[in-house]
Amino acid sequence: MKPVARRDGLLIRELKDEMLVYARDEHRAHCLNRTAATVFRNADGTRTVSDLALLLAPQSDLPAAEAVVGETLARLAEAGLLQGGPAAAGWSRREVVRRVGIGAAILLPAVASVVAPTPAEAAVTCVSDCSQQKDGTACNCYGEPICDATCISGSCSAGGC
């Protein structure tokens, strides 16, 4: 099996020890640790799970590294970052730790995903607190003015946005 990471509709930013992947169509952001980023970056359809395991941990036990790659692929598939759905039957995290040993547990993949609001949703979810403000005080959201909205009777008036 040669897994293929999804590339369409993604914004990818490489950082020092992790990778940030934003799926524009789903408004989901994913943070991949070093292990998950290495597998994602190299899952191009030309490498097998064994090849990915050798890239991930060239000095380690191959079956243990393959278990880590299998778990990584399962997590990437869960996040919708693989083409064609799940690439491998994932082991439980406990099973992977048992296979690789506690010393290699640092290789375990982490894919943290959050739903990011669209710009329009982000704009309407910001609520200003006008309590204890004089009428006519400019409303703001996290220190930034909200269009032409002003505080009236303890709440923000509709501004000229």
C-alpha atoms as a PDB file:
ATOM      1  CA  MET A   1       0.000   0.000   0.000  1.00  0.00           C
ATOM      2  CA  LYS A   2       1.275   3.461  -0.944  1.00  0.00           C
ATOM      3  CA  PRO A   3      -0.659   6.161   0.931  1.00  0.00           C
ATOM      4  CA  VAL A   4      -1.262   9.572  -0.622  1.00  0.00           C
ATOM      5  CA  ALA A   5      -1.695  12.735   1.423  1.00  0.00           C
ATOM      6  CA  ARG A   6      -4.378  15.150   0.290  1.00  0.00           C
ATOM      7  CA  ARG A   7      -3.024  18.375  -1.243  1.00  0.00           C
ATOM      8  CA  ASP A   8      -6.085  20.051  -2.827  1.00  0.00           C
ATOM      9  CA  GLY A   9      -7.684  22.928  -0.943  1.00  0.00           C
ATOM     10  CA  LEU A  10      -5.035  23.004   1.772  1.00  0.00           C
ATOM     11  CA  LEU A  11      -2.867  25.800   3.080  1.00  0.00           C
ATOM     12  CA  ILE A  12       0.290  24.324   4.593  1.00  0.00           C
ATOM     13  CA  ARG A  13       2.788  26.101   6.820  1.00  0.00           C
ATOM     14  CA  GLU A  14       5.962  24.396   8.001  1.00  0.00           C
ATOM     15  CA  LEU A  15       7.186  25.401  11.444  1.00  0.00           C
ATOM     16  CA  LYS A  16      10.245  24.245  13.384  1.00  0.00           C
ATOM     17  CA  ASP A  17       8.821  21.092  14.984  1.00  0.00           C
ATOM     18  CA  GLU A  18       5.334  20.944  13.507  1.00  0.00           C
ATOM     19  CA  MET A  19       3.173  21.626  10.490  1.00  0.00           C
ATOM     20  CA  LEU A  20      -0.039  23.613  10.306  1.00  0.00           C
ATOM     21  CA  VAL A  21      -2.570  22.490   7.697  1.00  0.00           C
ATOM     22  CA  TYR A  22      -5.742  24.488   7.007  1.00  0.00           C
ATOM     23  CA  ALA A  23      -8.496  22.884   4.916  1.00  0.00           C
ATOM     24  CA  ARG A  24     -10.152  25.876   3.247  1.00  0.00           C
ATOM     25  CA  ASP A  25     -13.330  24.119   2.150  1.00  0.00           C
ATOM     26  CA  GLU A  26     -14.044  22.699   5.623  1.00  0.00           C
ATOM     27  CA  HIS A  27     -12.640  25.605   7.676  1.00  0.00           C
ATOM     28  CA  ARG A  28     -10.651  23.117   9.751  1.00  0.00           C
ATOM     29  CA  ALA A  29      -7.145  23.685  11.025  1.00  0.00           C
ATOM     30  CA  HIS A  30      -4.837  20.789  11.870  1.00  0.00           C
ATOM     31  CA  CYS A  31      -1.602  20.913  13.835  1.00  0.00           C
ATOM     32  CA  LEU A  32       0.701  17.967  13.093  1.00  0.00           C
ATOM     33  CA  ASN A  33       3.622  17.121  15.350  1.00  0.00           C
ATOM     34  CA  ARG A  34       6.996  16.148  13.853  1.00  0.00           C
ATOM     35  CA  THR A  35       6.008  12.489  13.344  1.00  0.00           C
ATOM     36  CA  ALA A  36       2.672  13.245  11.669  1.00  0.00           C
ATOM     37  CA  ALA A  37       4.260  16.012   9.564  1.00  0.00           C
ATOM     38  CA  THR A  38       7.008  13.691   8.321  1.00  0.00           C
ATOM     39  CA  VAL A  39       4.485  11.036   7.270  1.00  0.00           C
ATOM     40  CA  PHE A  40       2.134  13.631   5.706  1.00  0.00           C
ATOM     41  CA  ARG A  41       4.975  15.312   3.787  1.00  0.00           C
ATOM     42  CA  ASN A  42       6.286  12.002   2.402  1.00  0.00           C
ATOM     43  CA  ALA A  43       2.992  10.197   1.715  1.00  0.00           C
ATOM     44  CA  ASP A  44       3.094  10.988  -1.991  1.00  0.00           C
ATOM     45  CA  GLY A  45       1.941   7.668  -3.456  1.00  0.00           C
ATOM     46  CA  THR A  46       5.469   6.517  -4.269  1.00  0.00           C
ATOM     47  CA  ARG A  47       6.402   5.239  -0.796  1.00  0.00           C
ATOM     48  CA  THR A  48       5.090   2.204   1.055  1.00  0.00           C
ATOM     49  CA  VAL A  49       4.415   2.069   4.791  1.00  0.00           C
ATOM     50  CA  SER A  50       7.834   0.410   5.192  1.00  0.00           C
ATOM     51  CA  ASP A  51       9.502   3.242   3.264  1.00  0.00           C
ATOM     52  CA  LEU A  52       7.772   5.816   5.465  1.00  0.00           C
ATOM     53  CA  ALA A  53       8.844   3.885   8.572  1.00  0.00           C
ATOM     54  CA  LEU A  54      12.479   3.994   7.448  1.00  0.00           C
ATOM     55  CA  LEU A  55      12.234   7.751   6.852  1.00  0.00           C
ATOM     56  CA  LEU A  56      10.637   8.267  10.246  1.00  0.00           C
ATOM     57  CA  ALA A  57      13.051   6.197  12.333  1.00  0.00           C
ATOM     58  CA  PRO A  58      15.933   4.762  10.297  1.00  0.00           C
ATOM     59  CA  GLN A  59      17.695   3.270  13.328  1.00  0.00           C
ATOM     60  CA  SER A  60      14.669   1.682  14.999  1.00  0.00           C
ATOM     61  CA  ASP A  61      12.969  -1.688  14.795  1.00  0.00           C
ATOM     62  CA  LEU A  62      11.075  -1.766  11.455  1.00  0.00           C
ATOM     63  CA  PRO A  63       7.873  -3.432  12.752  1.00  0.00           C
ATOM     64  CA  ALA A  64       7.680  -0.885  15.570  1.00  0.00           C
ATOM     65  CA  ALA A  65       8.215   2.022  13.156  1.00  0.00           C
ATOM     66  CA  GLU A  66       5.573   0.555  10.826  1.00  0.00           C
ATOM     67  CA  ALA A  67       3.157   0.478  13.775  1.00  0.00           C
ATOM     68  CA  VAL A  68       3.815   4.188  14.347  1.00  0.00           C
ATOM     69  CA  VAL A  69       3.285   4.933  10.635  1.00  0.00           C
ATOM     70  CA  GLY A  70       0.041   2.920  10.694  1.00  0.00           C
ATOM     71  CA  GLU A  71      -1.213   4.928  13.665  1.00  0.00           C
ATOM     72  CA  THR A  72      -0.148   8.170  11.972  1.00  0.00           C
ATOM     73  CA  LEU A  73      -1.988   7.259   8.774  1.00  0.00           C
ATOM     74  CA  ALA A  74      -5.106   6.415  10.785  1.00  0.00           C
ATOM     75  CA  ARG A  75      -4.986   9.824  12.501  1.00  0.00           C
ATOM     76  CA  LEU A  76      -4.373  11.655   9.214  1.00  0.00           C
ATOM     77  CA  ALA A  77      -7.291   9.806   7.622  1.00  0.00           C
ATOM     78  CA  GLU A  78      -9.505  10.714  10.602  1.00  0.00           C
ATOM     79  CA  ALA A  79      -8.608  14.362  10.018  1.00  0.00           C
ATOM     80  CA  GLY A  80      -9.449  14.043   6.302  1.00  0.00           C
ATOM     81  CA  LEU A  81      -5.859  14.606   5.214  1.00  0.00           C
ATOM     82  CA  LEU A  82      -5.434  11.442   3.121  1.00  0.00           C
ATOM     83  CA  GLN A  83      -6.808  10.809  -0.351  1.00  0.00           C
ATOM     84  CA  GLY A  84      -9.165   7.893  -0.545  1.00  0.00           C
ATOM     85  CA  GLY A  85      -9.955   7.677   3.165  1.00  0.00           C
ATOM     86  CA  PRO A  86      -8.204   5.442   5.688  1.00  0.00           C
ATOM     87  CA  ALA A  87      -4.939   4.053   4.380  1.00  0.00           C
ATOM     88  CA  ALA A  88      -4.389   1.480   7.083  1.00  0.00           C
ATOM     89  CA  ALA A  89      -6.184  -0.131   9.941  1.00  0.00           C
ATOM     90  CA  GLY A  90      -4.879   1.823  12.900  1.00  0.00           C
ATOM     91  CA  TRP A  91      -3.872   0.248  16.147  1.00  0.00           C
ATOM     92  CA  SER A  92      -4.998   1.668  19.427  1.00  0.00           C
ATOM     93  CA  ARG A  93      -2.543   4.088  21.006  1.00  0.00           C
ATOM     94  CA  ARG A  94      -1.950   1.528  23.766  1.00  0.00           C
ATOM     95  CA  GLU A  95      -1.119  -1.158  21.193  1.00  0.00           C
ATOM     96  CA  VAL A  96       1.328   1.142  19.407  1.00  0.00           C
ATOM     97  CA  VAL A  97       3.082   2.003  22.694  1.00  0.00           C
ATOM     98  CA  ARG A  98       3.269  -1.715  23.488  1.00  0.00           C
ATOM     99  CA  ARG A  99       4.783  -2.451  20.068  1.00  0.00           C
ATOM    100  CA  VAL A 100       7.293   0.413  19.956  1.00  0.00           C
ATOM    101  CA  GLY A 101       8.158   0.427  23.637  1.00  0.00           C
ATOM    102  CA  ILE A 102       7.939   3.252  26.088  1.00  0.00           C
ATOM    103  CA  GLY A 103      11.322   4.669  25.009  1.00  0.00           C
ATOM    104  CA  ALA A 104      10.093   5.325  21.471  1.00  0.00           C
ATOM    105  CA  ALA A 105       6.770   6.757  22.603  1.00  0.00           C
ATOM    106  CA  ILE A 106       8.057  10.201  21.640  1.00  0.00           C
ATOM    107  CA  LEU A 107       7.520   9.127  18.028  1.00  0.00           C
ATOM    108  CA  LEU A 108       3.770   8.814  18.546  1.00  0.00           C
ATOM    109  CA  PRO A 109       1.820  11.000  16.149  1.00  0.00           C
ATOM    110  CA  ALA A 110      -0.333  13.912  17.187  1.00  0.00           C
ATOM    111  CA  VAL A 111      -2.907  15.520  14.914  1.00  0.00           C
ATOM    112  CA  ALA A 112      -4.903  18.214  16.693  1.00  0.00           C
ATOM    113  CA  SER A 113      -7.842  19.593  14.708  1.00  0.00           C
ATOM    114  CA  VAL A 114     -10.128  22.554  15.310  1.00  0.00           C
ATOM    115  CA  VAL A 115     -12.940  24.116  13.329  1.00  0.00           C
ATOM    116  CA  ALA A 116     -12.022  27.668  12.392  1.00  0.00           C
ATOM    117  CA  PRO A 117     -14.816  30.188  11.916  1.00  0.00           C
ATOM    118  CA  THR A 118     -15.305  31.865   8.571  1.00  0.00           C
ATOM    119  CA  PRO A 119     -14.474  35.601   8.577  1.00  0.00           C
ATOM    120  CA  ALA A 120     -18.200  36.442   8.693  1.00  0.00           C
ATOM    121  CA  GLU A 121     -18.746  34.102  11.660  1.00  0.00           C
ATOM    122  CA  ALA A 122     -15.744  35.537  13.460  1.00  0.00           C
ATOM    123  CA  ALA A 123     -17.091  39.065  13.013  1.00  0.00           C
ATOM    124  CA  VAL A 124     -20.484  38.307  14.526  1.00  0.00           C
ATOM    125  CA  THR A 125     -19.203  36.232  17.415  1.00  0.00           C
ATOM    126  CA  CYS A 126     -17.237  39.100  18.900  1.00  0.00           C
ATOM    127  CA  VAL A 127     -19.332  40.653  21.644  1.00  0.00           C
ATOM    128  CA  SER A 128     -18.462  43.908  23.316  1.00  0.00           C
ATOM    129  CA  ASP A 129     -19.305  44.610  26.911  1.00  0.00           C
ATOM    130  CA  CYS A 130     -20.809  48.056  27.283  1.00  0.00           C
ATOM    131  CA  SER A 131     -21.814  47.579  30.897  1.00  0.00           C
ATOM    132  CA  GLN A 132     -20.626  50.475  33.015  1.00  0.00           C
ATOM    133  CA  GLN A 133     -19.734  52.493  29.892  1.00  0.00           C
ATOM    134  CA  LYS A 134     -21.095  55.948  29.142  1.00  0.00           C
ATOM    135  CA  ASP A 135     -23.542  56.216  26.252  1.00  0.00           C
ATOM    136  CA  GLY A 136     -21.662  57.219  23.105  1.00  0.00           C
ATOM    137  CA  THR A 137     -18.491  55.301  24.039  1.00  0.00           C
ATOM    138  CA  ALA A 138     -17.091  53.510  20.956  1.00  0.00           C
ATOM    139  CA  CYS A 139     -17.606  49.739  21.005  1.00  0.00           C
ATOM    140  CA  ASN A 140     -14.536  47.609  20.484  1.00  0.00           C
ATOM    141  CA  CYS A 141     -13.665  43.975  20.086  1.00  0.00           C
ATOM    142  CA  TYR A 142     -10.397  42.948  21.706  1.00  0.00           C
ATOM    143  CA  GLY A 143      -9.240  46.567  21.569  1.00  0.00           C
ATOM    144  CA  GLU A 144     -10.239  47.135  17.931  1.00  0.00           C
ATOM    145  CA  PRO A 145     -13.160  49.453  17.038  1.00  0.00           C
ATOM    146  CA  ILE A 146     -16.322  47.795  15.739  1.00  0.00           C
ATOM    147  CA  CYS A 147     -17.236  49.935  12.729  1.00  0.00           C
ATOM    148  CA  ASP A 148     -19.245  52.930  13.978  1.00  0.00           C
ATOM    149  CA  ALA A 149     -21.000  51.098  16.837  1.00  0.00           C
ATOM    150  CA  THR A 150     -21.390  52.931  20.144  1.00  0.00           C
ATOM    151  CA  CYS A 151     -22.559  51.949  23.602  1.00  0.00           C
ATOM    152  CA  ILE A 152     -26.194  52.827  24.290  1.00  0.00           C
ATOM    153  CA  SER A 153     -27.898  51.764  27.520  1.00  0.00           C
ATOM    154  CA  GLY A 154     -25.318  49.076  28.278  1.00  0.00           C
ATOM    155  CA  SER A 155     -25.158  47.438  24.825  1.00  0.00           C
ATOM    156  CA  CYS A 156     -23.589  48.132  21.444  1.00  0.00           C
ATOM    157  CA  SER A 157     -25.690  49.880  18.832  1.00  0.00           C
ATOM    158  CA  ALA A 158     -25.648  48.607  15.279  1.00  0.00           C
ATOM    159  CA  GLY A 159     -22.841  50.452  13.588  1.00  0.00           C
ATOM    160  CA  GLY A 160     -22.336  51.308   9.961  1.00  0.00           C
ATOM    161  CA  CYS A 161     -20.407  48.153   9.030  1.00  0.00           C
END
